Amino acid sequence: VAIALEEAGLPYEAIKVDFASGAQTKPDYLAVNPKGRVPA
């Protein structure tokens, strides 16, 4: 998805989800994607 955004020339903000620290299981990220997966 990041490559597609770059190739399309669309501006975007990249937000890293740190799987090592379990960020995908925290309420802040689960509010974005309840599945706890990337990409979102």
PDB file of all heavy atoms in Angstrom:
ATOM      1  N   VAL A   1       0.837  -1.196   0.000  1.00  0.00           N
ATOM      2  CA  VAL A   1       0.000   0.000   0.000  1.00  0.00           C
ATOM      3  C   VAL A   1       0.874   1.250   0.000  1.00  0.00           C
ATOM      4  O   VAL A   1       0.600   2.213  -0.724  1.00  0.00           O
ATOM      5  CB  VAL A   1      -0.970  -0.016   1.195  1.00  0.00           C
ATOM      6  CG1 VAL A   1      -1.813   1.246   1.224  1.00  0.00           C
ATOM      7  CG2 VAL A   1      -1.852  -1.260   1.147  1.00  0.00           C
ATOM      8  N   ALA A   2       1.946   1.231   0.789  1.00  0.00           N
ATOM      9  CA  ALA A   2       2.872   2.370   0.809  1.00  0.00           C
ATOM     10  C   ALA A   2       3.489   2.587  -0.569  1.00  0.00           C
ATOM     11  O   ALA A   2       3.592   3.725  -1.043  1.00  0.00           O
ATOM     12  CB  ALA A   2       3.953   2.152   1.857  1.00  0.00           C
ATOM     13  N   ILE A   3       3.877   1.515  -1.236  1.00  0.00           N
ATOM     14  CA  ILE A   3       4.450   1.620  -2.577  1.00  0.00           C
ATOM     15  C   ILE A   3       3.417   2.193  -3.548  1.00  0.00           C
ATOM     16  O   ILE A   3       3.733   3.073  -4.353  1.00  0.00           O
ATOM     17  CB  ILE A   3       4.970   0.246  -3.066  1.00  0.00           C
ATOM     18  CG1 ILE A   3       6.199  -0.157  -2.248  1.00  0.00           C
ATOM     19  CG2 ILE A   3       5.275   0.268  -4.553  1.00  0.00           C
ATOM     20  CD1 ILE A   3       6.632  -1.594  -2.451  1.00  0.00           C
ATOM     21  N   ALA A   4       2.177   1.721  -3.463  1.00  0.00           N
ATOM     22  CA  ALA A   4       1.125   2.216  -4.346  1.00  0.00           C
ATOM     23  C   ALA A   4       0.882   3.710  -4.121  1.00  0.00           C
ATOM     24  O   ALA A   4       0.727   4.465  -5.082  1.00  0.00           O
ATOM     25  CB  ALA A   4      -0.164   1.432  -4.132  1.00  0.00           C
ATOM     26  N   LEU A   5       0.877   4.147  -2.869  1.00  0.00           N
ATOM     27  CA  LEU A   5       0.702   5.571  -2.569  1.00  0.00           C
ATOM     28  C   LEU A   5       1.847   6.393  -3.151  1.00  0.00           C
ATOM     29  O   LEU A   5       1.626   7.459  -3.734  1.00  0.00           O
ATOM     30  CB  LEU A   5       0.607   5.797  -1.064  1.00  0.00           C
ATOM     31  CG  LEU A   5      -0.716   5.396  -0.416  1.00  0.00           C
ATOM     32  CD1 LEU A   5      -0.572   5.302   1.093  1.00  0.00           C
ATOM     33  CD2 LEU A   5      -1.805   6.391  -0.791  1.00  0.00           C
ATOM     34  N   GLU A   6       3.065   5.902  -3.007  1.00  0.00           N
ATOM     35  CA  GLU A   6       4.235   6.606  -3.552  1.00  0.00           C
ATOM     36  C   GLU A   6       4.157   6.677  -5.074  1.00  0.00           C
ATOM     37  O   GLU A   6       4.373   7.738  -5.666  1.00  0.00           O
ATOM     38  CB  GLU A   6       5.530   5.913  -3.123  1.00  0.00           C
ATOM     39  CG  GLU A   6       5.866   6.074  -1.668  1.00  0.00           C
ATOM     40  CD  GLU A   6       6.285   7.488  -1.291  1.00  0.00           C
ATOM     41  OE1 GLU A   6       6.827   8.222  -2.146  1.00  0.00           O
ATOM     42  OE2 GLU A   6       6.049   7.863  -0.128  1.00  0.00           O
ATOM     43  N   GLU A   7       3.859   5.559  -5.707  1.00  0.00           N
ATOM     44  CA  GLU A   7       3.784   5.516  -7.168  1.00  0.00           C
ATOM     45  C   GLU A   7       2.668   6.415  -7.710  1.00  0.00           C
ATOM     46  O   GLU A   7       2.815   7.016  -8.769  1.00  0.00           O
ATOM     47  CB  GLU A   7       3.581   4.080  -7.657  1.00  0.00           C
ATOM     48  CG  GLU A   7       4.807   3.198  -7.499  1.00  0.00           C
ATOM     49  CD  GLU A   7       5.954   3.629  -8.391  1.00  0.00           C
ATOM     50  OE1 GLU A   7       5.718   3.979  -9.558  1.00  0.00           O
ATOM     51  OE2 GLU A   7       7.098   3.613  -7.908  1.00  0.00           O
ATOM     52  N   ALA A   8       1.569   6.498  -6.952  1.00  0.00           N
ATOM     53  CA  ALA A   8       0.445   7.336  -7.369  1.00  0.00           C
ATOM     54  C   ALA A   8       0.707   8.816  -7.105  1.00  0.00           C
ATOM     55  O   ALA A   8       0.000   9.672  -7.620  1.00  0.00           O
ATOM     56  CB  ALA A   8      -0.823   6.892  -6.650  1.00  0.00           C
ATOM     57  N   GLY A   9       1.727   9.098  -6.302  1.00  0.00           N
ATOM     58  CA  GLY A   9       2.045  10.485  -5.978  1.00  0.00           C
ATOM     59  C   GLY A   9       1.045  11.132  -5.039  1.00  0.00           C
ATOM     60  O   GLY A   9       0.920  12.359  -5.001  1.00  0.00           O
ATOM     61  N   LEU A  10       0.343  10.304  -4.269  1.00  0.00           N
ATOM     62  CA  LEU A  10      -0.638  10.840  -3.331  1.00  0.00           C
ATOM     63  C   LEU A  10       0.037  11.169  -1.995  1.00  0.00           C
ATOM     64  O   LEU A  10       0.790  10.353  -1.466  1.00  0.00           O
ATOM     65  CB  LEU A  10      -1.764   9.827  -3.092  1.00  0.00           C
ATOM     66  CG  LEU A  10      -2.601   9.466  -4.309  1.00  0.00           C
ATOM     67  CD1 LEU A  10      -3.579   8.341  -3.958  1.00  0.00           C
ATOM     68  CD2 LEU A  10      -3.361  10.685  -4.806  1.00  0.00           C
ATOM     69  N   PRO A  11      -0.233  12.348  -1.456  1.00  0.00           N
ATOM     70  CA  PRO A  11       0.352  12.682  -0.151  1.00  0.00           C
ATOM     71  C   PRO A  11      -0.318  11.849   0.947  1.00  0.00           C
ATOM     72  O   PRO A  11      -1.526  11.612   0.916  1.00  0.00           O
ATOM     73  CB  PRO A  11       0.042  14.166   0.011  1.00  0.00           C
ATOM     74  CG  PRO A  11      -1.140  14.412  -0.848  1.00  0.00           C
ATOM     75  CD  PRO A  11      -1.055  13.425  -1.983  1.00  0.00           C
ATOM     76  N   TYR A  12       0.496  11.394   1.894  1.00  0.00           N
ATOM     77  CA  TYR A  12      -0.046  10.603   2.999  1.00  0.00           C
ATOM     78  C   TYR A  12       0.871  10.702   4.208  1.00  0.00           C
ATOM     79  O   TYR A  12       2.038  11.061   4.081  1.00  0.00           O
ATOM     80  CB  TYR A  12      -0.232   9.141   2.588  1.00  0.00           C
ATOM     81  CG  TYR A  12       1.058   8.380   2.368  1.00  0.00           C
ATOM     82  CD1 TYR A  12       1.580   7.555   3.356  1.00  0.00           C
ATOM     83  CD2 TYR A  12       1.755   8.482   1.170  1.00  0.00           C
ATOM     84  CE1 TYR A  12       2.764   6.857   3.147  1.00  0.00           C
ATOM     85  CE2 TYR A  12       2.925   7.789   0.950  1.00  0.00           C
ATOM     86  CZ  TYR A  12       3.428   6.979   1.944  1.00  0.00           C
ATOM     87  OH  TYR A  12       4.604   6.296   1.750  1.00  0.00           O
ATOM     88  N   GLU A  13       0.311  10.389   5.343  1.00  0.00           N
ATOM     89  CA  GLU A  13       1.086  10.321   6.575  1.00  0.00           C
ATOM     90  C   GLU A  13       1.229   8.846   6.927  1.00  0.00           C
ATOM     91  O   GLU A  13       0.233   8.121   7.017  1.00  0.00           O
ATOM     92  CB  GLU A  13       0.355  11.051   7.694  1.00  0.00           C
ATOM     93  CG  GLU A  13       1.031  10.944   9.036  1.00  0.00           C
ATOM     94  CD  GLU A  13       0.231  11.587  10.164  1.00  0.00           C
ATOM     95  OE1 GLU A  13      -0.824  12.203   9.889  1.00  0.00           O
ATOM     96  OE2 GLU A  13       0.650  11.454  11.314  1.00  0.00           O
ATOM     97  N   ALA A  14       2.455   8.387   7.126  1.00  0.00           N
ATOM     98  CA  ALA A  14       2.710   7.000   7.502  1.00  0.00           C
ATOM     99  C   ALA A  14       2.775   6.911   9.024  1.00  0.00           C
ATOM    100  O   ALA A  14       3.526   7.646   9.666  1.00  0.00           O
ATOM    101  CB  ALA A  14       4.017   6.515   6.886  1.00  0.00           C
ATOM    102  N   ILE A  15       1.974   6.022   9.586  1.00  0.00           N
ATOM    103  CA  ILE A  15       1.928   5.837  11.029  1.00  0.00           C
ATOM    104  C   ILE A  15       2.335   4.401  11.330  1.00  0.00           C
ATOM    105  O   ILE A  15       1.620   3.450  10.983  1.00  0.00           O
ATOM    106  CB  ILE A  15       0.525   6.134  11.578  1.00  0.00           C
ATOM    107  CG1 ILE A  15       0.112   7.566  11.214  1.00  0.00           C
ATOM    108  CG2 ILE A  15       0.472   5.896  13.079  1.00  0.00           C
ATOM    109  CD1 ILE A  15      -1.335   7.877  11.447  1.00  0.00           C
ATOM    110  N   LYS A  16       3.485   4.245  11.977  1.00  0.00           N
ATOM    111  CA  LYS A  16       4.005   2.911  12.276  1.00  0.00           C
ATOM    112  C   LYS A  16       3.250   2.296  13.447  1.00  0.00           C
ATOM    113  O   LYS A  16       3.061   2.927  14.485  1.00  0.00           O
ATOM    114  CB  LYS A  16       5.491   2.984  12.609  1.00  0.00           C
ATOM    115  CG  LYS A  16       6.119   1.644  12.878  1.00  0.00           C
ATOM    116  CD  LYS A  16       7.591   1.779  13.189  1.00  0.00           C
ATOM    117  CE  LYS A  16       8.194   0.442  13.535  1.00  0.00           C
ATOM    118  NZ  LYS A  16       9.594   0.586  13.944  1.00  0.00           N
ATOM    119  N   VAL A  17       2.818   1.056  13.257  1.00  0.00           N
ATOM    120  CA  VAL A  17       2.195   0.280  14.315  1.00  0.00           C
ATOM    121  C   VAL A  17       3.255  -0.711  14.789  1.00  0.00           C
ATOM    122  O   VAL A  17       3.677  -1.577  14.032  1.00  0.00           O
ATOM    123  CB  VAL A  17       0.935  -0.462  13.808  1.00  0.00           C
ATOM    124  CG1 VAL A  17       0.301  -1.277  14.924  1.00  0.00           C
ATOM    125  CG2 VAL A  17      -0.068   0.529  13.222  1.00  0.00           C
ATOM    126  N   ASP A  18       3.715  -0.544  16.019  1.00  0.00           N
ATOM    127  CA  ASP A  18       4.813  -1.351  16.547  1.00  0.00           C
ATOM    128  C   ASP A  18       4.292  -2.689  17.078  1.00  0.00           C
ATOM    129  O   ASP A  18       3.844  -2.781  18.220  1.00  0.00           O
ATOM    130  CB  ASP A  18       5.537  -0.574  17.641  1.00  0.00           C
ATOM    131  CG  ASP A  18       6.773  -1.279  18.158  1.00  0.00           C
ATOM    132  OD1 ASP A  18       7.133  -2.360  17.630  1.00  0.00           O
ATOM    133  OD2 ASP A  18       7.390  -0.750  19.096  1.00  0.00           O
ATOM    134  N   PHE A  19       4.359  -3.702  16.234  1.00  0.00           N
ATOM    135  CA  PHE A  19       3.879  -5.020  16.627  1.00  0.00           C
ATOM    136  C   PHE A  19       4.691  -5.586  17.789  1.00  0.00           C
ATOM    137  O   PHE A  19       4.161  -6.317  18.617  1.00  0.00           O
ATOM    138  CB  PHE A  19       3.934  -5.981  15.440  1.00  0.00           C
ATOM    139  CG  PHE A  19       2.754  -5.880  14.507  1.00  0.00           C
ATOM    140  CD1 PHE A  19       1.954  -4.761  14.456  1.00  0.00           C
ATOM    141  CD2 PHE A  19       2.447  -6.931  13.660  1.00  0.00           C
ATOM    142  CE1 PHE A  19       0.866  -4.680  13.596  1.00  0.00           C
ATOM    143  CE2 PHE A  19       1.366  -6.867  12.795  1.00  0.00           C
ATOM    144  CZ  PHE A  19       0.575  -5.743  12.775  1.00  0.00           C
ATOM    145  N   ALA A  20       5.978  -5.277  17.864  1.00  0.00           N
ATOM    146  CA  ALA A  20       6.830  -5.815  18.920  1.00  0.00           C
ATOM    147  C   ALA A  20       6.350  -5.397  20.309  1.00  0.00           C
ATOM    148  O   ALA A  20       6.457  -6.162  21.268  1.00  0.00           O
ATOM    149  CB  ALA A  20       8.277  -5.374  18.715  1.00  0.00           C
ATOM    150  N   SER A  21       5.797  -4.192  20.401  1.00  0.00           N
ATOM    151  CA  SER A  21       5.300  -3.719  21.699  1.00  0.00           C
ATOM    152  C   SER A  21       3.816  -4.003  21.878  1.00  0.00           C
ATOM    153  O   SER A  21       3.232  -3.636  22.901  1.00  0.00           O
ATOM    154  CB  SER A  21       5.555  -2.211  21.842  1.00  0.00           C
ATOM    155  OG  SER A  21       4.716  -1.483  20.963  1.00  0.00           O
ATOM    156  N   GLY A  22       3.193  -4.634  20.886  1.00  0.00           N
ATOM    157  CA  GLY A  22       1.778  -4.964  20.972  1.00  0.00           C
ATOM    158  C   GLY A  22       0.847  -3.797  20.706  1.00  0.00           C
ATOM    159  O   GLY A  22      -0.319  -3.817  21.120  1.00  0.00           O
ATOM    160  N   ALA A  23       1.337  -2.781  19.977  1.00  0.00           N
ATOM    161  CA  ALA A  23       0.521  -1.591  19.701  1.00  0.00           C
ATOM    162  C   ALA A  23      -0.776  -1.944  18.990  1.00  0.00           C
ATOM    163  O   ALA A  23      -1.787  -1.249  19.156  1.00  0.00           O
ATOM    164  CB  ALA A  23       1.319  -0.586  18.879  1.00  0.00           C
ATOM    165  N   GLN A  24      -0.783  -3.032  18.225  1.00  0.00           N
ATOM    166  CA  GLN A  24      -1.977  -3.421  17.481  1.00  0.00           C
ATOM    167  C   GLN A  24      -3.090  -3.929  18.396  1.00  0.00           C
ATOM    168  O   GLN A  24      -4.225  -4.077  17.962  1.00  0.00           O
ATOM    169  CB  GLN A  24      -1.633  -4.459  16.409  1.00  0.00           C
ATOM    170  CG  GLN A  24      -1.360  -5.849  16.932  1.00  0.00           C
ATOM    171  CD  GLN A  24       0.056  -6.064  17.439  1.00  0.00           C
ATOM    172  OE1 GLN A  24       0.798  -5.138  17.721  1.00  0.00           O
ATOM    173  NE2 GLN A  24       0.445  -7.323  17.559  1.00  0.00           N
ATOM    174  N   THR A  25      -2.791  -4.178  19.653  1.00  0.00           N
ATOM    175  CA  THR A  25      -3.799  -4.663  20.597  1.00  0.00           C
ATOM    176  C   THR A  25      -4.278  -3.567  21.545  1.00  0.00           C
ATOM    177  O   THR A  25      -5.136  -3.824  22.396  1.00  0.00           O
ATOM    178  CB  THR A  25      -3.244  -5.825  21.441  1.00  0.00           C
ATOM    179  OG1 THR A  25      -2.158  -5.338  22.248  1.00  0.00           O
ATOM    180  CG2 THR A  25      -2.763  -6.966  20.559  1.00  0.00           C
ATOM    181  N   LYS A  26      -3.755  -2.377  21.406  1.00  0.00           N
ATOM    182  CA  LYS A  26      -4.104  -1.252  22.285  1.00  0.00           C
ATOM    183  C   LYS A  26      -5.370  -0.550  21.785  1.00  0.00           C
ATOM    184  O   LYS A  26      -5.644  -0.518  20.587  1.00  0.00           O
ATOM    185  CB  LYS A  26      -2.956  -0.255  22.359  1.00  0.00           C
ATOM    186  CG  LYS A  26      -1.619  -0.861  22.752  1.00  0.00           C
ATOM    187  CD  LYS A  26      -1.609  -1.261  24.189  1.00  0.00           C
ATOM    188  CE  LYS A  26      -0.203  -1.628  24.596  1.00  0.00           C
ATOM    189  NZ  LYS A  26      -0.029  -2.869  25.193  1.00  0.00           N
ATOM    190  N   PRO A  27      -6.130   0.020  22.700  1.00  0.00           N
ATOM    191  CA  PRO A  27      -7.384   0.693  22.327  1.00  0.00           C
ATOM    192  C   PRO A  27      -7.228   1.752  21.235  1.00  0.00           C
ATOM    193  O   PRO A  27      -8.108   1.867  20.374  1.00  0.00           O
ATOM    194  CB  PRO A  27      -7.862   1.318  23.635  1.00  0.00           C
ATOM    195  CG  PRO A  27      -7.273   0.452  24.699  1.00  0.00           C
ATOM    196  CD  PRO A  27      -5.930   0.025  24.142  1.00  0.00           C
ATOM    197  N   ASP A  28      -6.133   2.498  21.232  1.00  0.00           N
ATOM    198  CA  ASP A  28      -5.945   3.540  20.216  1.00  0.00           C
ATOM    199  C   ASP A  28      -5.945   2.955  18.812  1.00  0.00           C
ATOM    200  O   ASP A  28      -6.578   3.490  17.910  1.00  0.00           O
ATOM    201  CB  ASP A  28      -4.641   4.313  20.436  1.00  0.00           C
ATOM    202  CG  ASP A  28      -4.725   5.279  21.596  1.00  0.00           C
ATOM    203  OD1 ASP A  28      -5.850   5.545  22.074  1.00  0.00           O
ATOM    204  OD2 ASP A  28      -3.676   5.777  22.016  1.00  0.00           O
ATOM    205  N   TYR A  29      -5.226   1.845  18.627  1.00  0.00           N
ATOM    206  CA  TYR A  29      -5.196   1.253  17.288  1.00  0.00           C
ATOM    207  C   TYR A  29      -6.460   0.458  16.996  1.00  0.00           C
ATOM    208  O   TYR A  29      -6.955   0.458  15.871  1.00  0.00           O
ATOM    209  CB  TYR A  29      -3.958   0.380  17.054  1.00  0.00           C
ATOM    210  CG  TYR A  29      -3.918  -0.064  15.613  1.00  0.00           C
ATOM    211  CD1 TYR A  29      -3.717   0.869  14.600  1.00  0.00           C
ATOM    212  CD2 TYR A  29      -4.184  -1.367  15.236  1.00  0.00           C
ATOM    213  CE1 TYR A  29      -3.754   0.510  13.258  1.00  0.00           C
ATOM    214  CE2 TYR A  29      -4.215  -1.744  13.898  1.00  0.00           C
ATOM    215  CZ  TYR A  29      -3.997  -0.801  12.920  1.00  0.00           C
ATOM    216  OH  TYR A  29      -4.043  -1.155  11.598  1.00  0.00           O
ATOM    217  N   LEU A  30      -7.001  -0.212  17.996  1.00  0.00           N
ATOM    218  CA  LEU A  30      -8.226  -0.977  17.764  1.00  0.00           C
ATOM    219  C   LEU A  30      -9.392  -0.073  17.384  1.00  0.00           C
ATOM    220  O   LEU A  30     -10.332  -0.518  16.720  1.00  0.00           O
ATOM    221  CB  LEU A  30      -8.569  -1.819  18.996  1.00  0.00           C
ATOM    222  CG  LEU A  30      -7.585  -2.968  19.275  1.00  0.00           C
ATOM    223  CD1 LEU A  30      -7.946  -3.651  20.583  1.00  0.00           C
ATOM    224  CD2 LEU A  30      -7.543  -3.959  18.123  1.00  0.00           C
ATOM    225  N   ALA A  31      -9.322   1.199  17.733  1.00  0.00           N
ATOM    226  CA  ALA A  31     -10.338   2.157  17.289  1.00  0.00           C
ATOM    227  C   ALA A  31     -10.231   2.395  15.790  1.00  0.00           C
ATOM    228  O   ALA A  31     -11.217   2.708  15.131  1.00  0.00           O
ATOM    229  CB  ALA A  31     -10.178   3.482  18.048  1.00  0.00           C
ATOM    230  N   VAL A  32      -9.036   2.232  15.244  1.00  0.00           N
ATOM    231  CA  VAL A  32      -8.820   2.371  13.798  1.00  0.00           C
ATOM    232  C   VAL A  32      -9.183   1.066  13.100  1.00  0.00           C
ATOM    233  O   VAL A  32      -9.894   1.055  12.107  1.00  0.00           O
ATOM    234  CB  VAL A  32      -7.352   2.752  13.487  1.00  0.00           C
ATOM    235  CG1 VAL A  32      -7.101   2.757  11.988  1.00  0.00           C
ATOM    236  CG2 VAL A  32      -7.008   4.091  14.105  1.00  0.00           C
ATOM    237  N   ASN A  33      -8.658  -0.032  13.598  1.00  0.00           N
ATOM    238  CA  ASN A  33      -8.930  -1.340  12.998  1.00  0.00           C
ATOM    239  C   ASN A  33      -9.184  -2.358  14.105  1.00  0.00           C
ATOM    240  O   ASN A  33      -8.234  -2.865  14.708  1.00  0.00           O
ATOM    241  CB  ASN A  33      -7.771  -1.794  12.114  1.00  0.00           C
ATOM    242  CG  ASN A  33      -8.097  -3.074  11.363  1.00  0.00           C
ATOM    243  OD1 ASN A  33      -9.131  -3.698  11.583  1.00  0.00           O
ATOM    244  ND2 ASN A  33      -7.215  -3.468  10.467  1.00  0.00           N
ATOM    245  N   PRO A  34     -10.436  -2.672  14.375  1.00  0.00           N
ATOM    246  CA  PRO A  34     -10.767  -3.625  15.438  1.00  0.00           C
ATOM    247  C   PRO A  34     -10.154  -5.012  15.248  1.00  0.00           C
ATOM    248  O   PRO A  34     -10.057  -5.778  16.194  1.00  0.00           O
ATOM    249  CB  PRO A  34     -12.297  -3.701  15.389  1.00  0.00           C
ATOM    250  CG  PRO A  34     -12.725  -2.454  14.711  1.00  0.00           C
ATOM    251  CD  PRO A  34     -11.612  -2.098  13.754  1.00  0.00           C
ATOM    252  N   LYS A  35      -9.721  -5.323  14.027  1.00  0.00           N
ATOM    253  CA  LYS A  35      -9.068  -6.607  13.769  1.00  0.00           C
ATOM    254  C   LYS A  35      -7.632  -6.615  14.289  1.00  0.00           C
ATOM    255  O   LYS A  35      -7.024  -7.678  14.392  1.00  0.00           O
ATOM    256  CB  LYS A  35      -9.048  -6.908  12.268  1.00  0.00           C
ATOM    257  CG  LYS A  35     -10.395  -7.030  11.639  1.00  0.00           C
ATOM    258  CD  LYS A  35     -10.229  -7.260  10.146  1.00  0.00           C
ATOM    259  CE  LYS A  35     -11.362  -6.670   9.374  1.00  0.00           C
ATOM    260  NZ  LYS A  35     -11.124  -6.668   7.936  1.00  0.00           N
ATOM    261  N   GLY A  36      -7.066  -5.440  14.556  1.00  0.00           N
ATOM    262  CA  GLY A  36      -5.697  -5.351  15.042  1.00  0.00           C
ATOM    263  C   GLY A  36      -4.668  -5.717  13.997  1.00  0.00           C
ATOM    264  O   GLY A  36      -3.595  -6.222  14.318  1.00  0.00           O
ATOM    265  N   ARG A  37      -4.983  -5.467  12.737  1.00  0.00           N
ATOM    266  CA  ARG A  37      -4.076  -5.811  11.636  1.00  0.00           C
ATOM    267  C   ARG A  37      -3.715  -4.566  10.836  1.00  0.00           C
ATOM    268  O   ARG A  37      -4.369  -3.531  10.932  1.00  0.00           O
ATOM    269  CB  ARG A  37      -4.744  -6.812  10.700  1.00  0.00           C
ATOM    270  CG  ARG A  37      -5.085  -8.111  11.362  1.00  0.00           C
ATOM    271  CD  ARG A  37      -5.694  -9.058  10.356  1.00  0.00           C
ATOM    272  NE  ARG A  37      -6.174 -10.259  11.016  1.00  0.00           N
ATOM    273  CZ  ARG A  37      -7.089 -11.042  10.528  1.00  0.00           C
ATOM    274  NH1 ARG A  37      -7.657 -10.754   9.374  1.00  0.00           N
ATOM    275  NH2 ARG A  37      -7.459 -12.110  11.167  1.00  0.00           N
ATOM    276  N   VAL A  38      -2.678  -4.707  10.049  1.00  0.00           N
ATOM    277  CA  VAL A  38      -2.299  -3.665   9.094  1.00  0.00           C
ATOM    278  C   VAL A  38      -2.359  -4.282   7.710  1.00  0.00           C
ATOM    279  O   VAL A  38      -2.255  -5.504   7.578  1.00  0.00           O
ATOM    280  CB  VAL A  38      -0.876  -3.108   9.378  1.00  0.00           C
ATOM    281  CG1 VAL A  38      -0.856  -2.338  10.667  1.00  0.00           C
ATOM    282  CG2 VAL A  38       0.175  -4.190   9.348  1.00  0.00           C
ATOM    283  N   PRO A  39      -2.523  -3.488   6.679  1.00  0.00           N
ATOM    284  CA  PRO A  39      -2.624  -2.038   6.689  1.00  0.00           C
ATOM    285  C   PRO A  39      -4.023  -1.574   7.070  1.00  0.00           C
ATOM    286  O   PRO A  39      -4.994  -2.326   6.963  1.00  0.00           O
ATOM    287  CB  PRO A  39      -2.316  -1.650   5.249  1.00  0.00           C
ATOM    288  CG  PRO A  39      -2.811  -2.815   4.446  1.00  0.00           C
ATOM    289  CD  PRO A  39      -2.541  -4.026   5.306  1.00  0.00           C
ATOM    290  N   ALA A  40      -4.071  -0.327   7.501  1.00  0.00           N
ATOM    291  CA  ALA A  40      -5.338   0.382   7.678  1.00  0.00           C
ATOM    292  C   ALA A  40      -5.113   1.774   7.120  1.00  0.00           C
ATOM    293  O   ALA A  40      -4.065   2.380   7.353  1.00  0.00           O
ATOM    294  CB  ALA A  40      -5.732   0.440   9.145  1.00  0.00           C
TER     295      ALA A  40
END
